[in-house]
N, C-alpha and C. Protein backbone atom coordinates (compact mmCIF):
# COMPACT_ATOMS: atom_id res chain seq x y z
N MET A 1 157.69 93.24 141.04
CA MET A 1 157.40 92.62 139.85
C MET A 1 156.18 91.90 139.91
N SER A 2 156.05 91.21 140.87
CA SER A 2 154.93 90.30 141.16
C SER A 2 153.70 91.05 141.32
N ASN A 3 153.61 92.14 141.91
CA ASN A 3 152.37 92.92 141.96
C ASN A 3 151.83 93.43 140.70
N SER A 4 152.96 93.87 139.70
CA SER A 4 152.64 94.46 138.47
C SER A 4 151.98 93.23 137.63
N ILE A 5 152.42 92.18 137.72
CA ILE A 5 151.90 90.85 137.08
C ILE A 5 150.52 90.72 137.52
N PHE A 6 150.28 90.73 138.77
CA PHE A 6 148.97 90.39 139.50
C PHE A 6 148.08 91.58 138.95
N ILE A 7 148.30 92.77 138.79
CA ILE A 7 147.54 93.82 138.36
C ILE A 7 147.23 93.64 136.95
N TYR A 8 148.40 93.19 136.09
CA TYR A 8 147.98 93.12 134.55
C TYR A 8 147.08 91.90 134.38
N ILE A 9 147.23 90.84 135.08
CA ILE A 9 146.32 89.71 135.06
C ILE A 9 144.87 90.05 135.51
N ALA A 10 144.56 90.74 136.50
CA ALA A 10 143.44 91.14 137.11
C ALA A 10 142.73 91.94 135.87
N PHE A 11 143.47 92.98 135.42
CA PHE A 11 142.86 93.92 134.30
C PHE A 11 142.45 93.08 133.00
N LEU A 12 143.21 92.13 132.84
CA LEU A 12 143.09 91.39 131.56
C LEU A 12 142.02 90.40 131.73
N LEU A 13 141.66 89.96 133.01
CA LEU A 13 140.39 89.15 133.29
C LEU A 13 139.15 90.06 133.41
N LEU A 14 139.29 91.16 133.70
CA LEU A 14 138.26 92.19 133.85
C LEU A 14 137.90 92.61 132.35
N PHE A 15 138.86 92.74 131.52
CA PHE A 15 138.58 93.21 130.11
C PHE A 15 137.90 91.92 129.70
N ILE A 16 138.39 90.70 129.65
CA ILE A 16 137.61 89.60 129.14
C ILE A 16 136.26 89.51 129.56
N THR A 17 135.93 89.64 130.82
CA THR A 17 134.75 89.45 131.33
C THR A 17 133.76 90.52 130.74
N LEU A 18 134.23 91.77 130.71
CA LEU A 18 133.40 92.97 130.01
C LEU A 18 133.26 92.56 128.60
N VAL A 19 134.13 91.97 127.85
CA VAL A 19 133.83 91.58 126.30
C VAL A 19 132.69 90.56 126.42
N LEU A 20 132.85 89.61 127.06
CA LEU A 20 131.84 88.38 127.17
C LEU A 20 130.54 88.97 127.54
N TRP A 21 130.52 89.83 128.50
CA TRP A 21 129.28 90.53 128.94
C TRP A 21 128.66 91.17 127.84
N VAL A 22 129.36 92.08 127.17
CA VAL A 22 128.75 92.75 125.79
C VAL A 22 128.38 91.81 124.85
N LEU A 23 129.12 90.80 124.61
CA LEU A 23 128.54 89.87 123.65
C LEU A 23 127.24 89.11 123.92
N LEU A 24 127.38 88.88 125.18
CA LEU A 24 125.88 88.27 125.63
C LEU A 24 124.69 89.18 125.66
N LEU A 25 125.01 90.38 125.96
CA LEU A 25 123.89 91.36 125.93
C LEU A 25 123.42 91.58 124.39
N ARG A 26 124.41 91.62 123.39
CA ARG A 26 123.98 91.82 122.10
C ARG A 26 123.25 90.72 121.42
N ALA A 27 123.55 89.44 121.95
CA ALA A 27 122.89 88.32 121.54
C ALA A 27 121.31 88.22 122.13
N LYS A 28 121.30 88.66 123.36
CA LYS A 28 119.84 88.68 123.94
C LYS A 28 119.01 90.04 122.99
N ILE A 29 119.74 90.84 122.90
CA ILE A 29 118.96 91.92 121.98
C ILE A 29 118.46 91.58 120.82
N GLN A 30 119.37 90.63 120.07
CA GLN A 30 119.07 90.23 118.82
C GLN A 30 117.98 89.16 118.96
N VAL A 31 117.94 88.34 119.95
CA VAL A 31 116.84 87.35 119.93
C VAL A 31 115.35 88.15 120.33
N LEU A 32 115.46 89.16 121.11
CA LEU A 32 114.19 89.99 121.42
C LEU A 32 113.83 90.73 120.26
N GLN A 33 114.71 91.27 119.28
CA GLN A 33 114.30 91.89 117.99
C GLN A 33 113.66 90.80 117.10
N GLU A 34 114.21 89.58 116.99
CA GLU A 34 113.66 88.49 116.01
C GLU A 34 112.38 88.21 116.69
N ARG A 35 112.13 88.02 118.04
CA ARG A 35 110.87 87.69 118.43
C ARG A 35 109.74 88.83 118.23
N LYS A 36 110.20 90.16 118.13
CA LYS A 36 109.19 91.13 117.98
C LYS A 36 109.03 91.25 116.47
N GLY A 37 109.96 90.90 115.53
CA GLY A 37 109.62 90.62 114.16
C GLY A 37 108.62 89.71 113.85
N SER A 38 108.88 88.47 114.41
CA SER A 38 107.97 87.48 114.17
C SER A 38 106.62 87.81 114.46
N VAL A 39 106.63 88.37 115.74
CA VAL A 39 105.02 88.72 116.14
C VAL A 39 104.50 89.75 115.20
N SER A 40 105.28 90.56 114.57
CA SER A 40 104.69 91.62 113.60
C SER A 40 104.40 90.97 112.24
N LYS A 41 105.19 90.05 111.92
CA LYS A 41 104.91 89.36 110.65
C LYS A 41 103.74 88.51 110.74
N SER A 42 103.55 87.76 111.88
CA SER A 42 102.30 86.92 111.97
C SER A 42 100.95 88.07 112.07
N LYS A 43 101.06 89.02 112.74
CA LYS A 43 99.96 89.97 112.69
C LYS A 43 99.61 90.39 111.28
N TYR A 44 100.84 90.74 110.51
CA TYR A 44 100.61 91.10 109.18
C TYR A 44 99.96 90.01 108.49
N HIS A 45 100.36 88.77 108.49
CA HIS A 45 99.66 87.65 107.64
C HIS A 45 98.29 87.54 108.17
N GLN A 46 97.94 87.70 109.46
CA GLN A 46 96.63 87.63 110.04
C GLN A 46 95.78 88.65 109.31
N GLU A 47 96.26 89.87 109.34
CA GLU A 47 95.52 91.06 108.55
C GLU A 47 95.18 90.69 107.14
N LEU A 48 96.21 90.12 106.59
CA LEU A 48 96.03 89.80 105.08
C LEU A 48 94.94 88.68 104.88
N GLY A 49 95.02 87.66 105.72
CA GLY A 49 93.97 86.78 105.82
C GLY A 49 92.47 87.17 105.89
N GLU A 50 92.52 88.26 107.01
CA GLU A 50 91.09 88.74 107.28
C GLU A 50 90.71 89.48 105.94
N LYS A 51 91.66 90.34 105.38
CA LYS A 51 91.06 91.08 104.28
C LYS A 51 90.81 90.19 103.05
N LYS A 52 91.51 89.06 102.98
CA LYS A 52 91.14 88.00 101.86
C LYS A 52 89.69 87.61 102.06
N GLU A 53 89.42 87.10 103.57
CA GLU A 53 88.15 86.56 103.50
C GLU A 53 86.96 87.68 103.61
N ALA A 54 87.38 88.86 103.87
CA ALA A 54 86.32 89.92 103.67
C ALA A 54 86.10 90.16 102.32
N GLY A 55 87.08 90.17 101.33
CA GLY A 55 86.83 90.20 99.89
C GLY A 55 86.16 89.15 99.28
N LYS A 56 86.34 87.98 99.78
CA LYS A 56 85.50 86.77 99.26
C LYS A 56 83.93 86.75 99.84
N LYS A 57 83.93 87.40 100.94
CA LYS A 57 82.48 87.47 101.43
C LYS A 57 81.74 88.66 100.54
N LYS A 58 82.47 89.69 100.15
CA LYS A 58 81.75 90.64 99.22
C LYS A 58 81.35 89.96 98.04
N ILE A 59 82.40 89.22 97.45
CA ILE A 59 82.12 88.42 96.21
C ILE A 59 80.84 87.60 96.30
N LEU A 60 80.51 86.94 97.31
CA LEU A 60 79.42 86.13 97.55
C LEU A 60 78.21 86.93 97.68
N GLU A 61 78.33 88.06 98.46
CA GLU A 61 77.02 88.84 98.63
C GLU A 61 76.76 89.64 97.16
N LEU A 62 77.74 89.83 96.29
CA LEU A 62 77.29 90.30 94.89
C LEU A 62 76.75 89.23 94.08
N LEU A 63 77.22 87.97 94.26
CA LEU A 63 76.60 86.93 93.72
C LEU A 63 75.08 86.78 94.07
N LYS A 64 74.80 87.00 95.42
CA LYS A 64 73.46 86.83 95.75
C LYS A 64 72.43 87.83 95.13
N GLU A 65 73.06 88.85 94.86
CA GLU A 65 72.23 89.95 94.18
C GLU A 65 72.04 89.75 92.67
N LYS A 66 73.32 89.40 92.02
CA LYS A 66 73.25 89.03 90.74
C LYS A 66 73.47 87.65 90.46
N GLU A 67 72.88 86.94 89.38
CA GLU A 67 73.05 85.47 89.23
C GLU A 67 74.45 85.16 88.97
N GLU A 68 75.09 85.98 88.18
CA GLU A 68 76.59 85.77 87.65
C GLU A 68 77.38 86.99 87.67
N ILE A 69 78.83 86.72 87.84
CA ILE A 69 79.71 87.96 87.63
C ILE A 69 80.75 87.35 86.95
N THR A 70 81.60 88.31 86.71
CA THR A 70 82.97 88.00 85.82
C THR A 70 83.98 88.54 86.75
N ASN A 71 85.11 88.20 86.37
CA ASN A 71 86.40 88.60 87.20
C ASN A 71 86.43 90.28 87.34
N ASP A 72 86.00 90.94 86.12
CA ASP A 72 85.97 92.27 86.13
C ASP A 72 85.17 92.82 87.18
N ASP A 73 84.06 92.07 87.30
CA ASP A 73 82.93 92.65 88.50
C ASP A 73 83.89 92.51 89.75
N ALA A 74 84.60 91.34 89.95
CA ALA A 74 85.13 91.12 91.25
C ALA A 74 86.14 92.27 91.52
N GLN A 75 87.09 92.48 90.52
CA GLN A 75 87.95 93.50 90.42
C GLN A 75 87.55 94.88 90.96
N LYS A 76 86.34 95.43 90.23
CA LYS A 76 85.80 96.78 90.44
C LYS A 76 85.08 96.58 91.81
N LEU A 77 84.58 95.55 92.34
CA LEU A 77 83.82 95.65 93.68
C LEU A 77 84.93 95.79 94.58
N LEU A 78 86.12 95.11 94.57
CA LEU A 78 87.08 95.23 95.49
C LEU A 78 88.24 96.06 95.41
N GLY A 79 88.32 96.69 94.31
CA GLY A 79 89.29 97.62 93.92
C GLY A 79 90.75 96.80 93.95
N VAL A 80 90.84 95.59 93.61
CA VAL A 80 91.95 94.93 93.54
C VAL A 80 92.38 94.46 91.88
N SER A 81 93.65 93.92 91.80
CA SER A 81 94.14 93.61 90.72
C SER A 81 93.30 92.44 89.74
N ASP A 82 93.67 92.20 88.75
CA ASP A 82 93.00 91.15 87.91
C ASP A 82 93.45 89.68 88.64
N ALA A 83 94.76 89.70 88.92
CA ALA A 83 95.41 88.74 89.50
C ALA A 83 94.81 88.18 90.91
N THR A 84 94.59 89.21 91.86
CA THR A 84 94.05 89.13 92.97
C THR A 84 92.43 88.45 92.84
N ALA A 85 91.90 89.25 91.95
CA ALA A 85 90.36 88.76 91.69
C ALA A 85 90.41 87.54 91.35
N THR A 86 91.13 87.06 90.53
CA THR A 86 91.18 85.61 89.89
C THR A 86 91.51 84.72 91.24
N ARG A 87 92.47 84.97 91.85
CA ARG A 87 92.84 84.29 93.13
C ARG A 87 91.62 84.12 94.12
N TYR A 88 90.96 85.10 94.38
CA TYR A 88 89.64 84.96 95.24
C TYR A 88 88.82 84.06 94.50
N LEU A 89 88.38 84.20 93.30
CA LEU A 89 87.43 83.38 92.60
C LEU A 89 87.78 81.96 92.75
N ASP A 90 89.03 81.63 92.34
CA ASP A 90 89.59 80.38 92.22
C ASP A 90 89.28 79.65 93.71
N GLU A 91 89.59 80.46 94.78
CA GLU A 91 89.55 79.86 96.15
C GLU A 91 88.18 79.53 96.39
N LEU A 92 87.32 80.55 95.99
CA LEU A 92 85.78 80.23 96.26
C LEU A 92 85.40 78.91 95.39
N GLU A 93 85.81 78.71 94.31
CA GLU A 93 85.58 77.68 93.26
C GLU A 93 86.08 76.41 94.07
N LYS A 94 87.29 76.47 94.74
CA LYS A 94 87.86 75.30 95.32
C LYS A 94 87.15 74.84 96.61
N GLU A 95 86.51 75.88 97.20
CA GLU A 95 85.94 75.55 98.45
C GLU A 95 84.48 75.05 98.03
N GLY A 96 84.00 75.09 96.87
CA GLY A 96 82.76 74.60 96.18
C GLY A 96 81.64 75.63 96.56
N ARG A 97 81.88 76.92 96.72
CA ARG A 97 80.94 77.94 97.03
C ARG A 97 80.52 78.67 95.53
N VAL A 98 81.33 78.56 94.74
CA VAL A 98 80.93 79.22 93.13
C VAL A 98 81.23 78.28 92.27
N GLU A 99 80.78 78.33 91.17
CA GLU A 99 81.16 77.52 90.00
C GLU A 99 81.52 78.42 88.87
N ALA A 100 82.69 78.10 88.10
CA ALA A 100 82.89 78.86 86.87
C ALA A 100 82.38 78.26 85.57
N PHE A 101 81.95 78.94 84.74
CA PHE A 101 81.40 78.52 83.42
C PHE A 101 81.48 79.57 82.57
N GLY A 102 81.71 79.03 81.19
CA GLY A 102 81.79 79.84 79.84
C GLY A 102 82.62 78.99 78.90
N GLU A 103 82.59 79.48 77.60
CA GLU A 103 83.25 78.88 76.52
C GLU A 103 84.80 79.09 76.57
N SER A 104 85.34 80.05 77.17
CA SER A 104 86.69 80.41 77.07
C SER A 104 87.08 81.11 78.27
N ALA A 105 88.50 81.01 78.52
CA ALA A 105 88.85 81.70 79.81
C ALA A 105 88.46 83.12 79.81
N ARG A 106 88.43 83.71 78.64
CA ARG A 106 88.20 85.31 78.61
C ARG A 106 86.46 85.43 78.94
N GLU A 107 85.67 84.51 78.60
CA GLU A 107 84.22 84.56 78.91
C GLU A 107 83.88 83.89 80.11
N THR A 108 84.71 83.65 80.99
CA THR A 108 84.53 82.87 82.16
C THR A 108 83.57 83.83 83.11
N LYS A 109 82.60 83.27 83.66
CA LYS A 109 81.65 83.76 84.49
C LYS A 109 81.56 82.90 85.76
N TYR A 110 81.16 83.47 86.80
CA TYR A 110 80.91 82.59 88.20
C TYR A 110 79.50 82.92 88.60
N ARG A 111 79.09 81.91 89.27
CA ARG A 111 77.60 81.86 89.90
C ARG A 111 77.67 80.95 91.19
N LEU A 112 76.82 81.17 92.15
CA LEU A 112 76.72 80.39 93.22
C LEU A 112 76.55 78.85 93.00
N THR A 113 76.88 77.92 93.81
CA THR A 113 76.53 76.64 93.66
C THR A 113 75.46 76.23 94.60
């Protein structure tokens, strides 16, 4: 009987070790996947930032050609929504690169400062 108890305990310890090893391996895989995801997300955000800066640069180039533009001009130039064009123009205004003028929000135009 003592041999069977010894074998039972040995198999039990082997099973526990195997379970712990699998759990540790899963945790390592999860950490690696999270790291990969965060790299992809930061690359995505970097690309978005580059796209935004390129759009703002195009707006400034258009303003050099024309004395003033509207939000619609920026939309058509960049092929973006009204909200995106407004956001780009607002950022340029906050940066002090353009100024907004007009009697109402609908009639707002932009020019270089």
